PDB file of N, CA and C in Angstrom:
ATOM      1  N   MET A   1       5.551 -16.600  44.655  1.00  0.00           N
ATOM      2  CA  MET A   1       5.124 -17.671  43.792  1.00  0.00           C
ATOM      3  C   MET A   1       4.805 -18.871  44.660  1.00  0.00           C
ATOM      4  N   ARG A   2       3.710 -19.533  44.330  1.00  0.00           N
ATOM      5  CA  ARG A   2       3.282 -20.729  45.036  1.00  0.00           C
ATOM      6  C   ARG A   2       3.304 -21.905  44.088  1.00  0.00           C
ATOM      7  N   GLN A   3       3.513 -23.082  44.604  1.00  0.00           N
ATOM      8  CA  GLN A   3       3.449 -24.277  43.778  1.00  0.00           C
ATOM      9  C   GLN A   3       2.252 -25.110  44.173  1.00  0.00           C
ATOM     10  N   ARG A   4       1.895 -26.032  43.282  1.00  0.00           N
ATOM     11  CA  ARG A   4       0.704 -26.860  43.456  1.00  0.00           C
ATOM     12  C   ARG A   4       0.682 -27.566  44.797  1.00  0.00           C
ATOM     13  N   GLY A   5      -0.492 -27.703  45.291  1.00  0.00           N
ATOM     14  CA  GLY A   5      -0.725 -28.376  46.555  1.00  0.00           C
ATOM     15  C   GLY A   5      -2.019 -27.874  47.129  1.00  0.00           C
ATOM     16  N   THR A   6      -2.001 -27.609  48.407  1.00  0.00           N
ATOM     17  CA  THR A   6      -3.184 -27.047  49.050  1.00  0.00           C
ATOM     18  C   THR A   6      -2.761 -25.821  49.840  1.00  0.00           C
ATOM     19  N   ASP A   7      -3.701 -24.922  50.002  1.00  0.00           N
ATOM     20  CA  ASP A   7      -3.420 -23.729  50.794  1.00  0.00           C
ATOM     21  C   ASP A   7      -3.644 -24.035  52.269  1.00  0.00           C
ATOM     22  N   ALA A   8      -3.533 -23.015  53.105  1.00  0.00           N
ATOM     23  CA  ALA A   8      -3.673 -23.206  54.550  1.00  0.00           C
ATOM     24  C   ALA A   8      -5.043 -23.746  54.952  1.00  0.00           C
ATOM     25  N   CYS A   9      -6.047 -23.530  54.095  1.00  0.00           N
ATOM     26  CA  CYS A   9      -7.404 -24.011  54.387  1.00  0.00           C
ATOM     27  C   CYS A   9      -7.675 -25.379  53.781  1.00  0.00           C
ATOM     28  N   GLY A  10      -6.659 -25.972  53.125  1.00  0.00           N
ATOM     29  CA  GLY A  10      -6.830 -27.278  52.510  1.00  0.00           C
ATOM     30  C   GLY A  10      -7.463 -27.227  51.131  1.00  0.00           C
ATOM     31  N   LYS A  11      -7.583 -26.027  50.542  1.00  0.00           N
ATOM     32  CA  LYS A  11      -8.170 -25.892  49.208  1.00  0.00           C
ATOM     33  C   LYS A  11      -7.100 -26.080  48.150  1.00  0.00           C
ATOM     34  N   ALA A  12      -7.465 -26.695  47.015  1.00  0.00           N
ATOM     35  CA  ALA A  12      -6.523 -26.912  45.926  1.00  0.00           C
ATOM     36  C   ALA A  12      -6.096 -25.584  45.327  1.00  0.00           C
ATOM     37  N   VAL A  13      -4.835 -25.510  44.941  1.00  0.00           N
ATOM     38  CA  VAL A  13      -4.299 -24.312  44.288  1.00  0.00           C
ATOM     39  C   VAL A  13      -3.660 -24.730  42.974  1.00  0.00           C
ATOM     40  N   PRO A  14      -3.516 -23.795  42.023  1.00  0.00           N
ATOM     41  CA  PRO A  14      -2.910 -24.131  40.738  1.00  0.00           C
ATOM     42  C   PRO A  14      -1.421 -24.459  40.893  1.00  0.00           C
ATOM     43  N   GLU A  15      -0.816 -24.947  39.798  1.00  0.00           N
ATOM     44  CA  GLU A  15       0.592 -25.320  39.839  1.00  0.00           C
ATOM     45  C   GLU A  15       1.493 -24.149  40.165  1.00  0.00           C
ATOM     46  N   ALA A  16       1.172 -22.981  39.650  1.00  0.00           N
ATOM     47  CA  ALA A  16       1.958 -21.791  39.963  1.00  0.00           C
ATOM     48  C   ALA A  16       1.051 -20.573  39.923  1.00  0.00           C
ATOM     49  N   ALA A  17       1.308 -19.653  40.829  1.00  0.00           N
ATOM     50  CA  ALA A  17       0.583 -18.384  40.842  1.00  0.00           C
ATOM     51  C   ALA A  17       1.585 -17.310  41.214  1.00  0.00           C
ATOM     52  N   ALA A  18       1.516 -16.188  40.526  1.00  0.00           N
ATOM     53  CA  ALA A  18       2.436 -15.089  40.807  1.00  0.00           C
ATOM     54  C   ALA A  18       1.641 -13.813  41.031  1.00  0.00           C
ATOM     55  N   GLU A  19       2.100 -13.032  41.994  1.00  0.00           N
ATOM     56  CA  GLU A  19       1.478 -11.747  42.245  1.00  0.00           C
ATOM     57  C   GLU A  19       2.261 -10.687  41.484  1.00  0.00           C
ATOM     58  N   LEU A  20       1.562  -9.895  40.690  1.00  0.00           N
ATOM     59  CA  LEU A  20       2.178  -8.825  39.926  1.00  0.00           C
ATOM     60  C   LEU A  20       2.377  -7.603  40.807  1.00  0.00           C
ATOM     61  N   GLY A  21       3.132  -6.639  40.325  1.00  0.00           N
ATOM     62  CA  GLY A  21       3.443  -5.443  41.089  1.00  0.00           C
ATOM     63  C   GLY A  21       2.219  -4.719  41.624  1.00  0.00           C
ATOM     64  N   GLY A  22       1.147  -4.662  40.867  1.00  0.00           N
ATOM     65  CA  GLY A  22      -0.055  -3.963  41.307  1.00  0.00           C
ATOM     66  C   GLY A  22      -0.986  -4.805  42.140  1.00  0.00           C
ATOM     67  N   GLY A  23      -0.570  -6.011  42.504  1.00  0.00           N
ATOM     68  CA  GLY A  23      -1.405  -6.876  43.330  1.00  0.00           C
ATOM     69  C   GLY A  23      -2.234  -7.879  42.554  1.00  0.00           C
ATOM     70  N   GLY A  24      -2.169  -7.829  41.220  1.00  0.00           N
ATOM     71  CA  GLY A  24      -2.901  -8.795  40.411  1.00  0.00           C
ATOM     72  C   GLY A  24      -2.268 -10.178  40.482  1.00  0.00           C
ATOM     73  N   ILE A  25      -3.078 -11.188  40.259  1.00  0.00           N
ATOM     74  CA  ILE A  25      -2.624 -12.577  40.312  1.00  0.00           C
ATOM     75  C   ILE A  25      -2.723 -13.207  38.922  1.00  0.00           C
ATOM     76  N   VAL A  26      -1.647 -13.888  38.500  1.00  0.00           N
ATOM     77  CA  VAL A  26      -1.624 -14.677  37.274  1.00  0.00           C
ATOM     78  C   VAL A  26      -1.339 -16.116  37.697  1.00  0.00           C
ATOM     79  N   ALA A  27      -2.091 -17.075  37.151  1.00  0.00           N
ATOM     80  CA  ALA A  27      -1.934 -18.470  37.562  1.00  0.00           C
ATOM     81  C   ALA A  27      -1.695 -19.364  36.353  1.00  0.00           C
ATOM     82  N   ILE A  28      -0.965 -20.464  36.580  1.00  0.00           N
ATOM     83  CA  ILE A  28      -0.560 -21.373  35.503  1.00  0.00           C
ATOM     84  C   ILE A  28      -0.809 -22.816  35.910  1.00  0.00           C
ATOM     85  N   GLU A  29      -1.296 -23.596  34.960  1.00  0.00           N
ATOM     86  CA  GLU A  29      -1.366 -25.057  35.062  1.00  0.00           C
ATOM     87  C   GLU A  29      -0.606 -25.609  33.856  1.00  0.00           C
ATOM     88  N   VAL A  30      -0.014 -26.774  33.989  1.00  0.00           N
ATOM     89  CA  VAL A  30       0.677 -27.439  32.888  1.00  0.00           C
ATOM     90  C   VAL A  30       0.102 -28.844  32.767  1.00  0.00           C
ATOM     91  N   LYS A  31      -0.342 -29.201  31.560  1.00  0.00           N
ATOM     92  CA  LYS A  31      -0.951 -30.512  31.324  1.00  0.00           C
ATOM     93  C   LYS A  31      -0.231 -31.236  30.192  1.00  0.00           C
ATOM     94  N   ALA A  32      -0.126 -32.544  30.287  1.00  0.00           N
ATOM     95  CA  ALA A  32       0.484 -33.352  29.233  1.00  0.00           C
ATOM     96  C   ALA A  32      -0.487 -33.574  28.071  1.00  0.00           C
ATOM     97  N   SER A  33      -1.713 -33.190  28.225  1.00  0.00           N
ATOM     98  CA  SER A  33      -2.742 -33.354  27.207  1.00  0.00           C
ATOM     99  C   SER A  33      -2.523 -32.401  26.035  1.00  0.00           C
ATOM    100  N   SER A  34      -2.975 -32.799  24.853  1.00  0.00           N
ATOM    101  CA  SER A  34      -2.910 -31.918  23.684  1.00  0.00           C
ATOM    102  C   SER A  34      -4.181 -31.088  23.534  1.00  0.00           C
ATOM    103  N   ALA A  35      -5.195 -31.385  24.331  1.00  0.00           N
ATOM    104  CA  ALA A  35      -6.464 -30.646  24.245  1.00  0.00           C
ATOM    105  C   ALA A  35      -7.115 -30.566  25.622  1.00  0.00           C
ATOM    106  N   PRO A  36      -6.581 -29.727  26.506  1.00  0.00           N
ATOM    107  CA  PRO A  36      -7.173 -29.623  27.839  1.00  0.00           C
ATOM    108  C   PRO A  36      -8.605 -29.101  27.785  1.00  0.00           C
ATOM    109  N   THR A  37      -9.368 -29.481  28.783  1.00  0.00           N
ATOM    110  CA  THR A  37     -10.775 -29.099  28.885  1.00  0.00           C
ATOM    111  C   THR A  37     -10.950 -28.107  30.045  1.00  0.00           C
ATOM    112  N   PRO A  38     -12.123 -27.510  30.167  1.00  0.00           N
ATOM    113  CA  PRO A  38     -12.366 -26.641  31.324  1.00  0.00           C
ATOM    114  C   PRO A  38     -12.120 -27.352  32.659  1.00  0.00           C
ATOM    115  N   ASP A  39     -12.344 -28.659  32.715  1.00  0.00           N
ATOM    116  CA  ASP A  39     -12.080 -29.393  33.946  1.00  0.00           C
ATOM    117  C   ASP A  39     -10.594 -29.338  34.311  1.00  0.00           C
ATOM    118  N   ASP A  40      -9.719 -29.292  33.304  1.00  0.00           N
ATOM    119  CA  ASP A  40      -8.285 -29.181  33.560  1.00  0.00           C
ATOM    120  C   ASP A  40      -7.914 -27.816  34.136  1.00  0.00           C
ATOM    121  N   ALA A  41      -8.790 -26.849  33.978  1.00  0.00           N
ATOM    122  CA  ALA A  41      -8.549 -25.495  34.478  1.00  0.00           C
ATOM    123  C   ALA A  41      -9.329 -25.215  35.758  1.00  0.00           C
ATOM    124  N   ARG A  42      -9.865 -26.238  36.394  1.00  0.00           N
ATOM    125  CA  ARG A  42     -10.746 -26.021  37.540  1.00  0.00           C
ATOM    126  C   ARG A  42     -10.052 -25.299  38.693  1.00  0.00           C
ATOM    127  N   HIS A  43      -8.762 -25.584  38.933  1.00  0.00           N
ATOM    128  CA  HIS A  43      -8.069 -24.891  40.013  1.00  0.00           C
ATOM    129  C   HIS A  43      -7.900 -23.409  39.685  1.00  0.00           C
ATOM    130  N   LEU A  44      -7.724 -23.112  38.406  1.00  0.00           N
ATOM    131  CA  LEU A  44      -7.624 -21.714  37.996  1.00  0.00           C
ATOM    132  C   LEU A  44      -8.969 -21.014  38.183  1.00  0.00           C
ATOM    133  N   ALA A  45     -10.048 -21.707  37.849  1.00  0.00           N
ATOM    134  CA  ALA A  45     -11.385 -21.121  38.004  1.00  0.00           C
ATOM    135  C   ALA A  45     -11.716 -20.878  39.474  1.00  0.00           C
ATOM    136  N   VAL A  46     -11.318 -21.792  40.336  1.00  0.00           N
ATOM    137  CA  VAL A  46     -11.547 -21.609  41.774  1.00  0.00           C
ATOM    138  C   VAL A  46     -10.767 -20.390  42.264  1.00  0.00           C
ATOM    139  N   LEU A  47      -9.510 -20.284  41.847  1.00  0.00           N
ATOM    140  CA  LEU A  47      -8.705 -19.134  42.245  1.00  0.00           C
ATOM    141  C   LEU A  47      -9.315 -17.843  41.706  1.00  0.00           C
ATOM    142  N   ARG A  48      -9.734 -17.844  40.449  1.00  0.00           N
ATOM    143  CA  ARG A  48     -10.377 -16.669  39.839  1.00  0.00           C
ATOM    144  C   ARG A  48     -11.591 -16.241  40.664  1.00  0.00           C
ATOM    145  N   ASP A  49     -12.405 -17.199  41.046  1.00  0.00           N
ATOM    146  CA  ASP A  49     -13.621 -16.893  41.797  1.00  0.00           C
ATOM    147  C   ASP A  49     -13.304 -16.380  43.196  1.00  0.00           C
ATOM    148  N   ARG A  50     -12.258 -16.908  43.813  1.00  0.00           N
ATOM    149  CA  ARG A  50     -11.859 -16.461  45.153  1.00  0.00           C
ATOM    150  C   ARG A  50     -11.194 -15.093  45.123  1.00  0.00           C
ATOM    151  N   MET A  51     -10.416 -14.809  44.069  1.00  0.00           N
ATOM    152  CA  MET A  51      -9.633 -13.570  44.012  1.00  0.00           C
ATOM    153  C   MET A  51     -10.410 -12.394  43.436  1.00  0.00           C
ATOM    154  N   GLY A  52     -11.474 -12.666  42.708  1.00  0.00           N
ATOM    155  CA  GLY A  52     -12.259 -11.577  42.125  1.00  0.00           C
ATOM    156  C   GLY A  52     -11.445 -10.749  41.152  1.00  0.00           C
ATOM    157  N   GLU A  53     -11.515  -9.425  41.294  1.00  0.00           N
ATOM    158  CA  GLU A  53     -10.837  -8.531  40.352  1.00  0.00           C
ATOM    159  C   GLU A  53      -9.319  -8.605  40.435  1.00  0.00           C
ATOM    160  N   SER A  54      -8.777  -9.196  41.487  1.00  0.00           N
ATOM    161  CA  SER A  54      -7.322  -9.354  41.598  1.00  0.00           C
ATOM    162  C   SER A  54      -6.789 -10.396  40.618  1.00  0.00           C
ATOM    163  N   PHE A  55      -7.666 -11.281  40.143  1.00  0.00           N
ATOM    164  CA  PHE A  55      -7.261 -12.319  39.196  1.00  0.00           C
ATOM    165  C   PHE A  55      -7.123 -11.688  37.818  1.00  0.00           C
ATOM    166  N   VAL A  56      -5.888 -11.601  37.333  1.00  0.00           N
ATOM    167  CA  VAL A  56      -5.618 -10.998  36.023  1.00  0.00           C
ATOM    168  C   VAL A  56      -5.862 -11.998  34.910  1.00  0.00           C
ATOM    169  N   GLY A  57      -5.475 -13.257  35.121  1.00  0.00           N
ATOM    170  CA  GLY A  57      -5.687 -14.271  34.103  1.00  0.00           C
ATOM    171  C   GLY A  57      -5.028 -15.576  34.471  1.00  0.00           C
ATOM    172  N   GLY A  58      -5.403 -16.616  33.730  1.00  0.00           N
ATOM    173  CA  GLY A  58      -4.834 -17.937  33.936  1.00  0.00           C
ATOM    174  C   GLY A  58      -4.570 -18.592  32.606  1.00  0.00           C
ATOM    175  N   VAL A  59      -3.570 -19.459  32.586  1.00  0.00           N
ATOM    176  CA  VAL A  59      -3.245 -20.191  31.366  1.00  0.00           C
ATOM    177  C   VAL A  59      -2.973 -21.649  31.718  1.00  0.00           C
ATOM    178  N   VAL A  60      -3.494 -22.528  30.868  1.00  0.00           N
ATOM    179  CA  VAL A  60      -3.185 -23.955  30.944  1.00  0.00           C
ATOM    180  C   VAL A  60      -2.280 -24.243  29.756  1.00  0.00           C
ATOM    181  N   PHE A  61      -1.005 -24.504  30.029  1.00  0.00           N
ATOM    182  CA  PHE A  61      -0.083 -24.881  28.962  1.00  0.00           C
ATOM    183  C   PHE A  61      -0.282 -26.355  28.642  1.00  0.00           C
ATOM    184  N   HIS A  62      -0.231 -26.690  27.346  1.00  0.00           N
ATOM    185  CA  HIS A  62      -0.478 -28.059  26.902  1.00  0.00           C
ATOM    186  C   HIS A  62       0.411 -28.404  25.722  1.00  0.00           C
ATOM    187  N   THR A  63       0.331 -29.656  25.265  1.00  0.00           N
ATOM    188  CA  THR A  63       1.206 -30.133  24.194  1.00  0.00           C
ATOM    189  C   THR A  63       0.622 -29.956  22.799  1.00  0.00           C
ATOM    190  N   GLY A  64      -0.592 -29.492  22.699  1.00  0.00           N
ATOM    191  CA  GLY A  64      -1.240 -29.328  21.392  1.00  0.00           C
ATOM    192  C   GLY A  64      -0.814 -28.050  20.682  1.00  0.00           C
ATOM    193  N   PRO A  65      -1.399 -27.793  19.480  1.00  0.00           N
ATOM    194  CA  PRO A  65      -0.978 -26.655  18.663  1.00  0.00           C
ATOM    195  C   PRO A  65      -1.836 -25.397  18.779  1.00  0.00           C
ATOM    196  N   HIS A  66      -2.951 -25.431  19.500  1.00  0.00           N
ATOM    197  CA  HIS A  66      -3.908 -24.327  19.438  1.00  0.00           C
ATOM    198  C   HIS A  66      -4.046 -23.565  20.750  1.00  0.00           C
ATOM    199  N   VAL A  67      -4.375 -22.272  20.597  1.00  0.00           N
ATOM    200  CA  VAL A  67      -4.739 -21.418  21.729  1.00  0.00           C
ATOM    201  C   VAL A  67      -6.257 -21.293  21.714  1.00  0.00           C
ATOM    202  N   TYR A  68      -6.902 -21.483  22.854  1.00  0.00           N
ATOM    203  CA  TYR A  68      -8.358 -21.332  22.932  1.00  0.00           C
ATOM    204  C   TYR A  68      -8.781 -21.025  24.358  1.00  0.00           C
ATOM    205  N   ARG A  69      -9.987 -20.535  24.477  1.00  0.00           N
ATOM    206  CA  ARG A  69     -10.537 -20.129  25.769  1.00  0.00           C
ATOM    207  C   ARG A  69     -11.105 -21.338  26.518  1.00  0.00           C
ATOM    208  N   LEU A  70     -10.804 -21.397  27.809  1.00  0.00           N
ATOM    209  CA  LEU A  70     -11.349 -22.456  28.662  1.00  0.00           C
ATOM    210  C   LEU A  70     -12.387 -21.926  29.635  1.00  0.00           C
ATOM    211  N   GLY A  71     -12.453 -20.640  29.787  1.00  0.00           N
ATOM    212  CA  GLY A  71     -13.386 -20.017  30.715  1.00  0.00           C
ATOM    213  C   GLY A  71     -13.076 -18.538  30.811  1.00  0.00           C
ATOM    214  N   GLU A  72     -13.858 -17.836  31.582  1.00  0.00           N
ATOM    215  CA  GLU A  72     -13.659 -16.398  31.745  1.00  0.00           C
ATOM    216  C   GLU A  72     -12.272 -16.123  32.309  1.00  0.00           C
ATOM    217  N   GLY A  73     -11.434 -15.447  31.521  1.00  0.00           N
ATOM    218  CA  GLY A  73     -10.092 -15.085  31.964  1.00  0.00           C
ATOM    219  C   GLY A  73      -9.088 -16.213  31.960  1.00  0.00           C
ATOM    220  N   ILE A  74      -9.446 -17.358  31.362  1.00  0.00           N
ATOM    221  CA  ILE A  74      -8.556 -18.530  31.355  1.00  0.00           C
ATOM    222  C   ILE A  74      -8.422 -19.045  29.926  1.00  0.00           C
ATOM    223  N   ILE A  75      -7.164 -19.224  29.474  1.00  0.00           N
ATOM    224  CA  ILE A  75      -6.932 -19.764  28.137  1.00  0.00           C
ATOM    225  C   ILE A  75      -6.087 -21.032  28.215  1.00  0.00           C
ATOM    226  N   ALA A  76      -6.154 -21.808  27.141  1.00  0.00           N
ATOM    227  CA  ALA A  76      -5.253 -22.932  26.920  1.00  0.00           C
ATOM    228  C   ALA A  76      -4.278 -22.479  25.846  1.00  0.00           C
ATOM    229  N   ALA A  77      -2.993 -22.749  26.039  1.00  0.00           N
ATOM    230  CA  ALA A  77      -1.984 -22.331  25.074  1.00  0.00           C
ATOM    231  C   ALA A  77      -0.909 -23.414  24.968  1.00  0.00           C
ATOM    232  N   PRO A  78      -0.370 -23.602  23.754  1.00  0.00           N
ATOM    233  CA  PRO A  78       0.703 -24.591  23.597  1.00  0.00           C
ATOM    234  C   PRO A  78       1.921 -24.194  24.431  1.00  0.00           C
ATOM    235  N   ILE A  79       2.518 -25.155  25.087  1.00  0.00           N
ATOM    236  CA  ILE A  79       3.716 -24.858  25.860  1.00  0.00           C
ATOM    237  C   ILE A  79       4.831 -24.365  24.952  1.00  0.00           C
ATOM    238  N   SER A  80       4.787 -24.756  23.681  1.00  0.00           N
ATOM    239  CA  SER A  80       5.804 -24.301  22.731  1.00  0.00           C
ATOM    240  C   SER A  80       5.738 -22.790  22.521  1.00  0.00           C
ATOM    241  N   ALA A  81       4.621 -22.158  22.888  1.00  0.00           N
ATOM    242  CA  ALA A  81       4.498 -20.703  22.759  1.00  0.00           C
ATOM    243  C   ALA A  81       5.523 -19.974  23.634  1.00  0.00           C
ATOM    244  N   LEU A  82       6.031 -20.646  24.648  1.00  0.00           N
ATOM    245  CA  LEU A  82       7.049 -20.032  25.501  1.00  0.00           C
ATOM    246  C   LEU A  82       8.351 -19.788  24.755  1.00  0.00           C
ATOM    247  N   TRP A  83       8.582 -20.559  23.693  1.00  0.00           N
ATOM    248  CA  TRP A  83       9.831 -20.451  22.943  1.00  0.00           C
ATOM    249  C   TRP A  83       9.667 -19.823  21.569  1.00  0.00           C
ATOM    250  N   SER A  84       8.443 -19.494  21.179  1.00  0.00           N
ATOM    251  CA  SER A  84       8.257 -18.941  19.828  1.00  0.00           C
ATOM    252  C   SER A  84       7.823 -17.495  19.864  1.00  0.00           C
TER     253      SER A  84
END
């Protein structure tokens, strides 16, 4: 698991990324916004583009009530979904 910052090449990385048993990558961003935009998922999109088929999916957790798509393989979901 990696935390937000930059990688060895100085490129931005998402807040958290985990490698699954089969080598797939899942990435997470957390925003205080109730309605994140695709711009809020830009680090996830960069990772998706760099990882190709290894990128399983990304989620931007937020304070709002709705789940919706932010881009190919990336969704926005309420952080409260973790407890419900």
